[in-house]
């Protein structure tokens, strides 16, 4: 477990549809002592967030089906997950994405 830093995060949920990106993020976080949970789409991400109660969610925002914006709304509207820190990630940002995420 990391003993320094702003967040004393222990368990991180990675929600990413690209398996290579998940492996990369898992590897980097693992090197720093973090426990990771993985989900390959929004539905799985919501289920795992509600069941496993991670300290932090790193989430892609663009994928087919329930996208990151829908997942954000669902997690923020549930009293059990409203307090989880969520960081939205994307390698393909569209105009207006930042504003939509912050809203």
Protein backbone atom coordinates (compact mmCIF):
# COMPACT_ATOMS: atom_id res chain seq x y z
CA UNK A 1 0.00 0.00 0.00
CA UNK A 2 1.25 3.49 -0.75
CA UNK A 3 2.14 5.36 2.41
CA UNK A 4 2.40 8.85 0.92
CA UNK A 5 0.37 10.97 -1.40
CA UNK A 6 -2.84 12.95 -1.59
CA UNK A 7 -5.15 9.95 -1.85
CA UNK A 8 -4.72 6.96 0.42
CA UNK A 9 -6.46 4.83 -2.16
CA UNK A 10 -6.31 1.10 -1.69
CA UNK A 11 -8.69 -0.39 -4.23
CA UNK A 12 -9.08 1.01 -7.76
CA UNK A 13 -11.70 -0.02 -10.30
CA UNK A 14 -10.49 0.27 -13.90
CA UNK A 15 -13.38 0.52 -16.38
CA UNK A 16 -11.92 0.26 -19.87
CA UNK A 17 -13.07 -1.61 -22.98
CA UNK A 18 -9.58 -1.91 -24.47
CA UNK A 19 -7.84 -4.91 -22.88
CA UNK A 20 -4.35 -3.58 -23.63
CA UNK A 21 -5.13 -0.33 -21.83
CA UNK A 22 -6.49 -2.28 -18.84
CA UNK A 23 -3.29 -4.36 -18.67
CA UNK A 24 -1.12 -1.24 -18.82
CA UNK A 25 -3.05 0.59 -16.08
CA UNK A 26 -3.20 -2.57 -13.90
CA UNK A 27 0.56 -3.04 -14.26
CA UNK A 28 1.42 0.57 -13.40
CA UNK A 29 -0.92 0.65 -10.39
CA UNK A 30 0.28 -2.76 -9.21
CA UNK A 31 3.89 -1.56 -9.22
CA UNK A 32 2.82 1.10 -6.74
CA UNK A 33 1.01 -1.33 -4.45
CA UNK A 34 -2.60 -0.69 -5.45
CA UNK A 35 -5.23 -3.42 -5.63
CA UNK A 36 -7.15 -3.27 -8.91
CA UNK A 37 -10.54 -4.49 -10.05
CA UNK A 38 -11.38 -4.49 -13.76
CA UNK A 39 -14.49 -4.05 -15.85
CA UNK A 40 -14.65 -4.10 -19.63
CA UNK A 41 -17.86 -2.07 -20.06
CA UNK A 42 -20.20 0.30 -18.28
CA UNK A 43 -22.67 -2.30 -17.03
CA UNK A 44 -19.92 -4.39 -15.50
CA UNK A 45 -18.35 -1.24 -14.06
CA UNK A 46 -21.55 -0.22 -12.27
CA UNK A 47 -22.06 -3.72 -10.89
CA UNK A 48 -18.48 -3.96 -9.61
CA UNK A 49 -18.54 -0.44 -8.14
CA UNK A 50 -21.72 -1.23 -6.19
CA UNK A 51 -20.52 -4.65 -5.04
CA UNK A 52 -16.83 -3.98 -4.34
CA UNK A 53 -16.97 -0.30 -3.22
CA UNK A 54 -13.60 0.81 -4.65
CA UNK A 55 -11.86 3.88 -3.29
CA UNK A 56 -11.34 5.21 -6.81
CA UNK A 57 -12.68 4.53 -10.32
CA UNK A 58 -10.51 5.16 -13.40
CA UNK A 59 -12.95 5.08 -16.28
CA UNK A 60 -12.85 5.47 -20.01
CA UNK A 61 -15.79 7.56 -21.20
CA UNK A 62 -16.28 6.39 -24.78
CA UNK A 63 -17.38 2.84 -25.59
CA UNK A 64 -20.42 1.12 -27.10
CA UNK A 65 -23.51 0.63 -24.97
CA UNK A 66 -23.66 2.33 -21.59
CA UNK A 67 -20.90 4.93 -21.93
CA UNK A 68 -18.93 6.65 -19.21
CA UNK A 69 -21.37 9.55 -18.98
CA UNK A 70 -24.24 7.16 -18.18
CA UNK A 71 -22.07 5.29 -15.68
CA UNK A 72 -21.14 8.57 -13.97
CA UNK A 73 -24.81 9.57 -13.67
CA UNK A 74 -25.75 6.15 -12.30
CA UNK A 75 -22.96 6.07 -9.72
CA UNK A 76 -23.62 9.67 -8.62
CA UNK A 77 -27.35 9.01 -8.19
CA UNK A 78 -26.85 5.99 -5.90
CA UNK A 79 -26.29 6.81 -2.20
CA UNK A 80 -23.97 3.80 -1.90
CA UNK A 81 -21.59 4.99 -4.65
CA UNK A 82 -22.03 8.77 -4.67
CA UNK A 83 -18.85 9.29 -2.62
CA UNK A 84 -16.50 7.22 -4.79
CA UNK A 85 -13.85 9.33 -6.48
CA UNK A 86 -14.11 8.98 -10.26
CA UNK A 87 -11.45 10.02 -12.76
CA UNK A 88 -12.59 10.01 -16.37
CA UNK A 89 -9.98 8.99 -18.93
CA UNK A 90 -10.07 9.01 -22.70
CA UNK A 91 -7.65 8.98 -25.58
CA UNK A 92 -10.34 10.35 -27.89
CA UNK A 93 -11.86 13.45 -26.34
CA UNK A 94 -14.73 15.07 -28.16
CA UNK A 95 -15.55 18.76 -27.99
CA UNK A 96 -17.67 19.34 -24.91
CA UNK A 97 -16.64 16.14 -23.07
CA UNK A 98 -14.95 18.04 -20.24
CA UNK A 99 -18.06 20.10 -19.59
CA UNK A 100 -20.32 17.01 -19.73
CA UNK A 101 -18.11 15.17 -17.24
CA UNK A 102 -17.96 18.08 -14.81
CA UNK A 103 -21.73 18.55 -15.03
